[in-house]
Amino acid sequence: MPKSVTLVLDDGLAERLDRFAEERGFDPAGALDHAVRAFLDGEDRARLATEAVVSAAREGHSSAAPGLALGDDEMRRWLLSWGAEDERKRPRSC
């Protein structure tokens, strides 16, 4: 069943939403629906990838998911950047 949500956006975000909607042929509600779905899809992919790596590690397969391993240095740089102005994006494997 559809659910209505009230969302209060600051002026800058509201302007960005309007531009995004206009550029892609959405109304604002359609743009928000698109954005929320894209965000949640990405979060689901990240969760599934993390679960796969954790599962493989539990089974002793350190390279069971090529491309999903994160080196100590890369993890350290990411963690140390938290809260900084130039905070690094979450690595693909996390």
C-alpha atoms as a PDB file:
ATOM      1  CA  MET A   1       0.000   0.000   0.000  1.00  0.00           C
ATOM      2  CA  PRO A   2       1.444   3.427  -0.908  1.00  0.00           C
ATOM      3  CA  LYS A   3       2.644   5.576   1.960  1.00  0.00           C
ATOM      4  CA  SER A   4       2.773   9.363   2.095  1.00  0.00           C
ATOM      5  CA  VAL A   5       5.719  11.035   3.786  1.00  0.00           C
ATOM      6  CA  THR A   6       6.197  14.696   4.624  1.00  0.00           C
ATOM      7  CA  LEU A   7       9.709  15.865   3.882  1.00  0.00           C
ATOM      8  CA  VAL A   8      11.042  19.328   4.624  1.00  0.00           C
ATOM      9  CA  LEU A   9      13.998  20.291   2.409  1.00  0.00           C
ATOM     10  CA  ASP A  10      16.294  23.253   2.882  1.00  0.00           C
ATOM     11  CA  ASP A  11      16.356  25.750   0.024  1.00  0.00           C
ATOM     12  CA  GLY A  12      19.525  24.377  -1.564  1.00  0.00           C
ATOM     13  CA  LEU A  13      18.323  20.791  -1.582  1.00  0.00           C
ATOM     14  CA  ALA A  14      14.897  21.835  -2.866  1.00  0.00           C
ATOM     15  CA  GLU A  15      16.553  23.675  -5.771  1.00  0.00           C
ATOM     16  CA  ARG A  16      18.694  20.641  -6.558  1.00  0.00           C
ATOM     17  CA  LEU A  17      15.625  18.420  -6.493  1.00  0.00           C
ATOM     18  CA  ASP A  18      13.757  20.753  -8.852  1.00  0.00           C
ATOM     19  CA  ARG A  19      16.702  20.816 -11.292  1.00  0.00           C
ATOM     20  CA  PHE A  20      17.074  17.039 -11.142  1.00  0.00           C
ATOM     21  CA  ALA A  21      13.358  16.529 -11.744  1.00  0.00           C
ATOM     22  CA  GLU A  22      13.276  18.954 -14.655  1.00  0.00           C
ATOM     23  CA  GLU A  23      16.388  17.493 -16.306  1.00  0.00           C
ATOM     24  CA  ARG A  24      15.007  13.966 -16.137  1.00  0.00           C
ATOM     25  CA  GLY A  25      11.354  14.674 -16.830  1.00  0.00           C
ATOM     26  CA  PHE A  26      10.079  13.880 -13.346  1.00  0.00           C
ATOM     27  CA  ASP A  27       7.745  15.809 -11.144  1.00  0.00           C
ATOM     28  CA  PRO A  28       9.274  16.398  -7.668  1.00  0.00           C
ATOM     29  CA  ALA A  29       7.512  13.353  -6.180  1.00  0.00           C
ATOM     30  CA  GLY A  30       8.774  11.153  -9.011  1.00  0.00           C
ATOM     31  CA  ALA A  31      12.306  12.497  -8.543  1.00  0.00           C
ATOM     32  CA  LEU A  32      12.179  11.696  -4.823  1.00  0.00           C
ATOM     33  CA  ASP A  33      10.835   8.218  -5.539  1.00  0.00           C
ATOM     34  CA  HIS A  34      13.691   7.662  -8.015  1.00  0.00           C
ATOM     35  CA  ALA A  35      16.294   8.981  -5.546  1.00  0.00           C
ATOM     36  CA  VAL A  36      15.060   6.888  -2.621  1.00  0.00           C
ATOM     37  CA  ARG A  37      14.942   3.738  -4.744  1.00  0.00           C
ATOM     38  CA  ALA A  38      18.465   4.358  -6.086  1.00  0.00           C
ATOM     39  CA  PHE A  39      19.789   4.985  -2.584  1.00  0.00           C
ATOM     40  CA  LEU A  40      18.150   1.882  -1.111  1.00  0.00           C
ATOM     41  CA  ASP A  41      19.282  -0.274  -4.047  1.00  0.00           C
ATOM     42  CA  GLY A  42      22.865   0.872  -3.444  1.00  0.00           C
ATOM     43  CA  GLU A  43      22.592   0.186   0.262  1.00  0.00           C
ATOM     44  CA  ASP A  44      21.215  -3.297  -0.462  1.00  0.00           C
ATOM     45  CA  ARG A  45      24.115  -4.021  -2.841  1.00  0.00           C
ATOM     46  CA  ALA A  46      26.632  -2.828  -0.244  1.00  0.00           C
ATOM     47  CA  ARG A  47      25.007  -4.958   2.473  1.00  0.00           C
ATOM     48  CA  LEU A  48      24.966  -8.047   0.262  1.00  0.00           C
ATOM     49  CA  ALA A  49      28.607  -7.526  -0.716  1.00  0.00           C
ATOM     50  CA  THR A  50      29.596  -7.112   2.928  1.00  0.00           C
ATOM     51  CA  GLU A  51      27.674 -10.234   3.898  1.00  0.00           C
ATOM     52  CA  ALA A  52      29.399 -12.182   1.107  1.00  0.00           C
ATOM     53  CA  VAL A  53      32.854 -11.073   2.265  1.00  0.00           C
ATOM     54  CA  VAL A  54      32.076 -11.815   5.923  1.00  0.00           C
ATOM     55  CA  SER A  55      30.692 -15.213   4.989  1.00  0.00           C
ATOM     56  CA  ALA A  56      33.743 -16.004   2.862  1.00  0.00           C
ATOM     57  CA  ALA A  57      36.060 -14.886   5.665  1.00  0.00           C
ATOM     58  CA  ARG A  58      34.236 -17.127   8.137  1.00  0.00           C
ATOM     59  CA  GLU A  59      34.817 -20.011   5.757  1.00  0.00           C
ATOM     60  CA  GLY A  60      38.497 -19.107   5.425  1.00  0.00           C
ATOM     61  CA  HIS A  61      38.350 -17.803   1.843  1.00  0.00           C
ATOM     62  CA  SER A  62      40.220 -14.505   1.928  1.00  0.00           C
ATOM     63  CA  SER A  63      39.917 -14.010  -1.828  1.00  0.00           C
ATOM     64  CA  ALA A  64      36.489 -15.529  -2.398  1.00  0.00           C
ATOM     65  CA  ALA A  65      35.135 -12.273  -3.776  1.00  0.00           C
ATOM     66  CA  PRO A  66      37.781 -10.708  -6.043  1.00  0.00           C
ATOM     67  CA  GLY A  67      37.653  -6.928  -6.037  1.00  0.00           C
ATOM     68  CA  LEU A  68      35.835  -6.790  -2.739  1.00  0.00           C
ATOM     69  CA  ALA A  69      38.863  -7.074  -0.494  1.00  0.00           C
ATOM     70  CA  LEU A  70      40.022  -3.888   1.206  1.00  0.00           C
ATOM     71  CA  GLY A  71      43.642  -3.486   2.223  1.00  0.00           C
ATOM     72  CA  ASP A  72      44.670  -2.266   5.662  1.00  0.00           C
ATOM     73  CA  ASP A  73      46.104   0.997   4.308  1.00  0.00           C
ATOM     74  CA  GLU A  74      42.990   1.835   2.327  1.00  0.00           C
ATOM     75  CA  MET A  75      40.747   1.059   5.309  1.00  0.00           C
ATOM     76  CA  ARG A  76      42.939   3.155   7.613  1.00  0.00           C
ATOM     77  CA  ARG A  77      42.874   6.159   5.231  1.00  0.00           C
ATOM     78  CA  TRP A  78      39.083   5.911   4.983  1.00  0.00           C
ATOM     79  CA  LEU A  79      38.549   5.646   8.736  1.00  0.00           C
ATOM     80  CA  LEU A  80      40.959   8.490   9.512  1.00  0.00           C
ATOM     81  CA  SER A  81      39.100  10.749   7.075  1.00  0.00           C
ATOM     82  CA  TRP A  82      35.785  10.451   8.942  1.00  0.00           C
ATOM     83  CA  GLY A  83      34.492  13.871   9.939  1.00  0.00           C
ATOM     84  CA  ALA A  84      37.101  15.749   7.897  1.00  0.00           C
ATOM     85  CA  GLU A  85      36.140  18.262   5.233  1.00  0.00           C
ATOM     86  CA  ASP A  86      37.674  15.978   2.623  1.00  0.00           C
ATOM     87  CA  GLU A  87      36.133  12.790   4.038  1.00  0.00           C
ATOM     88  CA  ARG A  88      36.764   9.867   1.703  1.00  0.00           C
ATOM     89  CA  LYS A  89      33.833   8.006   0.162  1.00  0.00           C
ATOM     90  CA  ARG A  90      33.021   4.577   1.522  1.00  0.00           C
ATOM     91  CA  PRO A  91      35.138   1.967  -0.290  1.00  0.00           C
ATOM     92  CA  ARG A  92      33.186  -0.265  -2.651  1.00  0.00           C
ATOM     93  CA  SER A  93      33.904  -3.271  -0.463  1.00  0.00           C
ATOM     94  CA  CYS A  94      32.299  -1.805   2.677  1.00  0.00           C
END
